[in-house]
Amino acid sequence: MSEKLNHEEFVKKAIVSLRKEGYKGIHTVYSGFNQAFKKYFTGDNPVDITNKLAEEGKIVVRPVKGGVMLYLPEDAPAMAGRGEDALKKMGLD
């Protein structure tokens, strides 16, 4: 390895490299991302870093069973409208 990647570069590279065919994001636990992150950035917490990058709009974090999914912003599934759809189905819109 030549020059070490920064957090943002590492996370974005991981999303692109670790996602399975047909998927746009990666599961932080099942993909091995968390372990790889901890090994590459000794002492840094992947949860804190990914949450910070999400707050900055550089990645998208979505909670799922067993952890979270990480997406590049342009690949993230839409979340807007879910509450409205639920209310409509309940007849409460």
N, C-alpha and C. Protein backbone atom coordinates (compact mmCIF):
# COMPACT_ATOMS: atom_id res chain seq x y z
N MET A 1 0.83 -1.17 0.00
CA MET A 1 0.00 0.00 0.00
C MET A 1 0.88 1.24 0.00
N SER A 2 0.54 2.17 -0.85
CA SER A 2 1.33 3.40 -0.89
C SER A 2 0.80 4.38 0.15
N GLU A 3 0.07 5.39 -0.30
CA GLU A 3 -0.44 6.39 0.62
C GLU A 3 -1.75 5.91 1.25
N LYS A 4 -1.91 6.16 2.53
CA LYS A 4 -3.10 5.72 3.25
C LYS A 4 -4.32 6.57 2.86
N LEU A 5 -5.45 5.90 2.67
CA LEU A 5 -6.69 6.60 2.34
C LEU A 5 -7.22 7.31 3.58
N ASN A 6 -7.96 8.41 3.37
CA ASN A 6 -8.65 9.04 4.49
C ASN A 6 -9.97 8.30 4.71
N HIS A 7 -10.71 8.65 5.75
CA HIS A 7 -11.96 7.95 6.08
C HIS A 7 -12.94 7.95 4.92
N GLU A 8 -13.18 9.13 4.34
CA GLU A 8 -14.16 9.22 3.25
C GLU A 8 -13.75 8.37 2.05
N GLU A 9 -12.49 8.43 1.67
CA GLU A 9 -12.01 7.64 0.53
C GLU A 9 -12.16 6.14 0.81
N PHE A 10 -11.81 5.73 2.03
CA PHE A 10 -11.90 4.32 2.41
C PHE A 10 -13.35 3.84 2.34
N VAL A 11 -14.27 4.60 2.93
CA VAL A 11 -15.67 4.19 2.98
C VAL A 11 -16.26 4.11 1.57
N LYS A 12 -16.00 5.11 0.75
CA LYS A 12 -16.54 5.10 -0.62
C LYS A 12 -15.95 3.95 -1.44
N LYS A 13 -14.66 3.70 -1.26
CA LYS A 13 -14.02 2.58 -1.97
C LYS A 13 -14.62 1.26 -1.50
N ALA A 14 -14.88 1.14 -0.21
CA ALA A 14 -15.48 -0.08 0.34
C ALA A 14 -16.88 -0.30 -0.24
N ILE A 15 -17.68 0.75 -0.32
CA ILE A 15 -19.04 0.61 -0.85
C ILE A 15 -18.99 0.07 -2.27
N VAL A 16 -18.14 0.64 -3.09
CA VAL A 16 -18.04 0.23 -4.50
C VAL A 16 -17.43 -1.17 -4.62
N SER A 17 -16.42 -1.46 -3.84
CA SER A 17 -15.69 -2.73 -3.96
C SER A 17 -16.39 -3.91 -3.31
N LEU A 18 -17.08 -3.70 -2.21
CA LEU A 18 -17.65 -4.80 -1.44
C LEU A 18 -19.10 -5.14 -1.77
N ARG A 19 -19.76 -4.26 -2.50
CA ARG A 19 -21.17 -4.56 -2.78
C ARG A 19 -21.28 -5.72 -3.76
N LYS A 20 -22.29 -6.53 -3.52
CA LYS A 20 -22.53 -7.70 -4.35
C LYS A 20 -23.26 -7.28 -5.62
N GLU A 21 -23.10 -8.08 -6.66
CA GLU A 21 -23.73 -7.78 -7.93
C GLU A 21 -25.24 -7.63 -7.74
N GLY A 22 -25.79 -6.58 -8.30
CA GLY A 22 -27.22 -6.32 -8.18
C GLY A 22 -27.59 -5.47 -6.99
N TYR A 23 -26.64 -5.18 -6.12
CA TYR A 23 -26.90 -4.36 -4.94
C TYR A 23 -26.15 -3.04 -5.05
N LYS A 24 -26.73 -2.00 -4.46
CA LYS A 24 -26.11 -0.68 -4.54
C LYS A 24 -25.41 -0.27 -3.25
N GLY A 25 -25.59 -1.06 -2.20
CA GLY A 25 -24.97 -0.73 -0.93
C GLY A 25 -24.32 -1.96 -0.31
N ILE A 26 -23.72 -1.74 0.86
CA ILE A 26 -23.08 -2.84 1.58
C ILE A 26 -23.59 -2.88 3.02
N HIS A 27 -23.71 -4.07 3.55
CA HIS A 27 -24.05 -4.27 4.95
C HIS A 27 -22.74 -4.20 5.73
N THR A 28 -22.69 -3.34 6.73
CA THR A 28 -21.42 -3.10 7.42
C THR A 28 -20.86 -4.33 8.12
N VAL A 29 -21.72 -5.22 8.57
CA VAL A 29 -21.26 -6.42 9.28
C VAL A 29 -20.98 -7.55 8.30
N TYR A 30 -21.97 -7.90 7.49
CA TYR A 30 -21.86 -9.08 6.63
C TYR A 30 -20.83 -8.92 5.51
N SER A 31 -20.54 -7.69 5.10
CA SER A 31 -19.56 -7.47 4.03
C SER A 31 -18.12 -7.52 4.54
N GLY A 32 -17.96 -7.45 5.87
CA GLY A 32 -16.63 -7.41 6.45
C GLY A 32 -16.11 -5.98 6.60
N PHE A 33 -16.95 -5.00 6.27
CA PHE A 33 -16.53 -3.60 6.32
C PHE A 33 -16.03 -3.19 7.70
N ASN A 34 -16.81 -3.49 8.74
CA ASN A 34 -16.41 -3.06 10.09
C ASN A 34 -15.04 -3.59 10.48
N GLN A 35 -14.80 -4.86 10.23
CA GLN A 35 -13.50 -5.45 10.58
C GLN A 35 -12.37 -4.84 9.76
N ALA A 36 -12.62 -4.64 8.46
CA ALA A 36 -11.59 -4.04 7.61
C ALA A 36 -11.29 -2.61 8.06
N PHE A 37 -12.32 -1.87 8.42
CA PHE A 37 -12.14 -0.49 8.86
C PHE A 37 -11.28 -0.43 10.12
N LYS A 38 -11.62 -1.30 11.08
CA LYS A 38 -10.87 -1.32 12.34
C LYS A 38 -9.41 -1.73 12.14
N LYS A 39 -9.18 -2.61 11.18
CA LYS A 39 -7.81 -3.04 10.90
C LYS A 39 -7.02 -1.92 10.20
N TYR A 40 -7.67 -1.22 9.28
CA TYR A 40 -7.01 -0.16 8.51
C TYR A 40 -6.79 1.09 9.35
N PHE A 41 -7.80 1.45 10.15
CA PHE A 41 -7.73 2.64 11.01
C PHE A 41 -7.74 2.20 12.46
N THR A 42 -6.63 1.72 12.95
CA THR A 42 -6.53 1.23 14.32
C THR A 42 -6.98 2.32 15.30
N GLY A 43 -7.94 1.95 16.15
CA GLY A 43 -8.41 2.88 17.17
C GLY A 43 -9.61 3.72 16.77
N ASP A 44 -9.97 3.75 15.48
CA ASP A 44 -11.12 4.54 15.04
C ASP A 44 -12.37 3.67 15.02
N ASN A 45 -13.50 4.27 15.37
CA ASN A 45 -14.77 3.56 15.43
C ASN A 45 -15.52 3.75 14.11
N PRO A 46 -15.80 2.66 13.37
CA PRO A 46 -16.48 2.81 12.08
C PRO A 46 -17.88 3.41 12.20
N VAL A 47 -18.57 3.15 13.30
CA VAL A 47 -19.92 3.70 13.48
C VAL A 47 -19.86 5.23 13.57
N ASP A 48 -18.94 5.74 14.38
CA ASP A 48 -18.80 7.19 14.52
C ASP A 48 -18.44 7.85 13.19
N ILE A 49 -17.50 7.24 12.48
CA ILE A 49 -17.02 7.83 11.23
C ILE A 49 -18.11 7.79 10.16
N THR A 50 -18.80 6.66 10.01
CA THR A 50 -19.84 6.58 8.98
C THR A 50 -21.01 7.50 9.31
N ASN A 51 -21.35 7.64 10.59
CA ASN A 51 -22.42 8.58 10.96
C ASN A 51 -22.02 10.02 10.64
N LYS A 52 -20.76 10.36 10.88
CA LYS A 52 -20.26 11.70 10.57
C LYS A 52 -20.31 11.95 9.06
N LEU A 53 -19.87 10.98 8.27
CA LEU A 53 -19.92 11.13 6.82
C LEU A 53 -21.36 11.25 6.32
N ALA A 54 -22.27 10.54 6.97
CA ALA A 54 -23.69 10.63 6.60
C ALA A 54 -24.24 12.02 6.92
N GLU A 55 -23.88 12.56 8.07
CA GLU A 55 -24.32 13.91 8.44
C GLU A 55 -23.82 14.95 7.44
N GLU A 56 -22.64 14.71 6.91
CA GLU A 56 -22.05 15.62 5.93
C GLU A 56 -22.60 15.40 4.52
N GLY A 57 -23.44 14.37 4.36
CA GLY A 57 -24.04 14.08 3.06
C GLY A 57 -23.12 13.35 2.09
N LYS A 58 -22.04 12.80 2.60
CA LYS A 58 -21.07 12.13 1.73
C LYS A 58 -21.43 10.67 1.46
N ILE A 59 -22.18 10.06 2.38
CA ILE A 59 -22.71 8.72 2.21
C ILE A 59 -24.12 8.71 2.81
N VAL A 60 -24.84 7.61 2.59
CA VAL A 60 -26.16 7.44 3.19
C VAL A 60 -26.12 6.17 4.03
N VAL A 61 -26.63 6.26 5.25
CA VAL A 61 -26.68 5.13 6.18
C VAL A 61 -28.14 4.77 6.39
N ARG A 62 -28.49 3.50 6.21
CA ARG A 62 -29.85 3.04 6.44
C ARG A 62 -29.82 1.86 7.40
N PRO A 63 -30.60 1.93 8.49
CA PRO A 63 -30.63 0.80 9.43
C PRO A 63 -31.30 -0.42 8.81
N VAL A 64 -30.72 -1.57 9.06
CA VAL A 64 -31.28 -2.85 8.61
C VAL A 64 -31.01 -3.88 9.70
N LYS A 65 -31.60 -5.05 9.55
CA LYS A 65 -31.41 -6.12 10.53
C LYS A 65 -29.92 -6.46 10.64
N GLY A 66 -29.41 -6.44 11.84
CA GLY A 66 -28.03 -6.84 12.09
C GLY A 66 -27.00 -5.75 11.87
N GLY A 67 -27.42 -4.53 11.59
CA GLY A 67 -26.46 -3.44 11.38
C GLY A 67 -27.04 -2.33 10.54
N VAL A 68 -26.23 -1.81 9.63
CA VAL A 68 -26.68 -0.76 8.72
C VAL A 68 -26.16 -1.04 7.32
N MET A 69 -26.82 -0.44 6.35
CA MET A 69 -26.37 -0.47 4.97
C MET A 69 -25.74 0.88 4.68
N LEU A 70 -24.65 0.86 3.91
CA LEU A 70 -23.99 2.08 3.47
C LEU A 70 -24.16 2.21 1.97
N TYR A 71 -24.50 3.43 1.53
CA TYR A 71 -24.71 3.71 0.12
C TYR A 71 -23.98 4.99 -0.25
N LEU A 72 -23.61 5.09 -1.52
CA LEU A 72 -23.21 6.38 -2.06
C LEU A 72 -24.51 7.18 -2.21
N PRO A 73 -24.47 8.50 -2.03
CA PRO A 73 -25.71 9.29 -2.08
C PRO A 73 -26.54 9.06 -3.35
N GLU A 74 -25.88 8.92 -4.49
CA GLU A 74 -26.62 8.76 -5.75
C GLU A 74 -27.25 7.38 -5.90
N ASP A 75 -26.86 6.42 -5.06
CA ASP A 75 -27.38 5.05 -5.15
C ASP A 75 -28.36 4.68 -4.05
N ALA A 76 -28.56 5.56 -3.09
CA ALA A 76 -29.41 5.25 -1.94
C ALA A 76 -30.88 5.14 -2.33
N PRO A 77 -31.57 4.15 -1.77
CA PRO A 77 -33.01 4.04 -2.03
C PRO A 77 -33.75 5.20 -1.39
N ALA A 78 -34.81 5.63 -2.03
CA ALA A 78 -35.60 6.76 -1.53
C ALA A 78 -36.32 6.39 -0.24
N MET A 79 -36.29 7.28 0.71
CA MET A 79 -37.01 7.07 1.98
C MET A 79 -38.19 8.02 2.10
N ALA A 80 -38.14 9.13 1.40
CA ALA A 80 -39.20 10.12 1.50
C ALA A 80 -40.52 9.51 1.04
N GLY A 81 -41.56 9.84 1.72
CA GLY A 81 -42.87 9.37 1.33
C GLY A 81 -43.33 8.11 2.02
N ARG A 82 -42.45 7.46 2.75
CA ARG A 82 -42.86 6.22 3.42
C ARG A 82 -43.95 6.47 4.46
N GLY A 83 -43.78 7.53 5.23
CA GLY A 83 -44.78 7.85 6.24
C GLY A 83 -46.10 8.23 5.61
N GLU A 84 -46.03 9.00 4.53
CA GLU A 84 -47.24 9.40 3.83
C GLU A 84 -47.95 8.19 3.25
N ASP A 85 -47.17 7.25 2.68
CA ASP A 85 -47.75 6.03 2.13
C ASP A 85 -48.45 5.22 3.21
N ALA A 86 -47.83 5.13 4.37
CA ALA A 86 -48.43 4.37 5.48
C ALA A 86 -49.73 5.01 5.93
N LEU A 87 -49.73 6.33 6.06
CA LEU A 87 -50.96 7.02 6.46
C LEU A 87 -52.07 6.83 5.42
N LYS A 88 -51.70 6.87 4.17
CA LYS A 88 -52.68 6.69 3.10
C LYS A 88 -53.29 5.30 3.17
N LYS A 89 -52.45 4.27 3.38
CA LYS A 89 -52.94 2.90 3.49
C LYS A 89 -53.85 2.73 4.70
N MET A 90 -53.58 3.52 5.76
CA MET A 90 -54.38 3.45 6.97
C MET A 90 -55.65 4.28 6.85
N GLY A 91 -55.77 5.04 5.76
CA GLY A 91 -56.93 5.91 5.57
C GLY A 91 -56.88 7.15 6.42
N LEU A 92 -55.67 7.57 6.81
CA LEU A 92 -55.51 8.71 7.70
C LEU A 92 -54.79 9.88 7.03
N ASP A 93 -54.75 9.90 5.71
CA ASP A 93 -54.02 10.96 5.02
C ASP A 93 -54.76 12.27 4.98
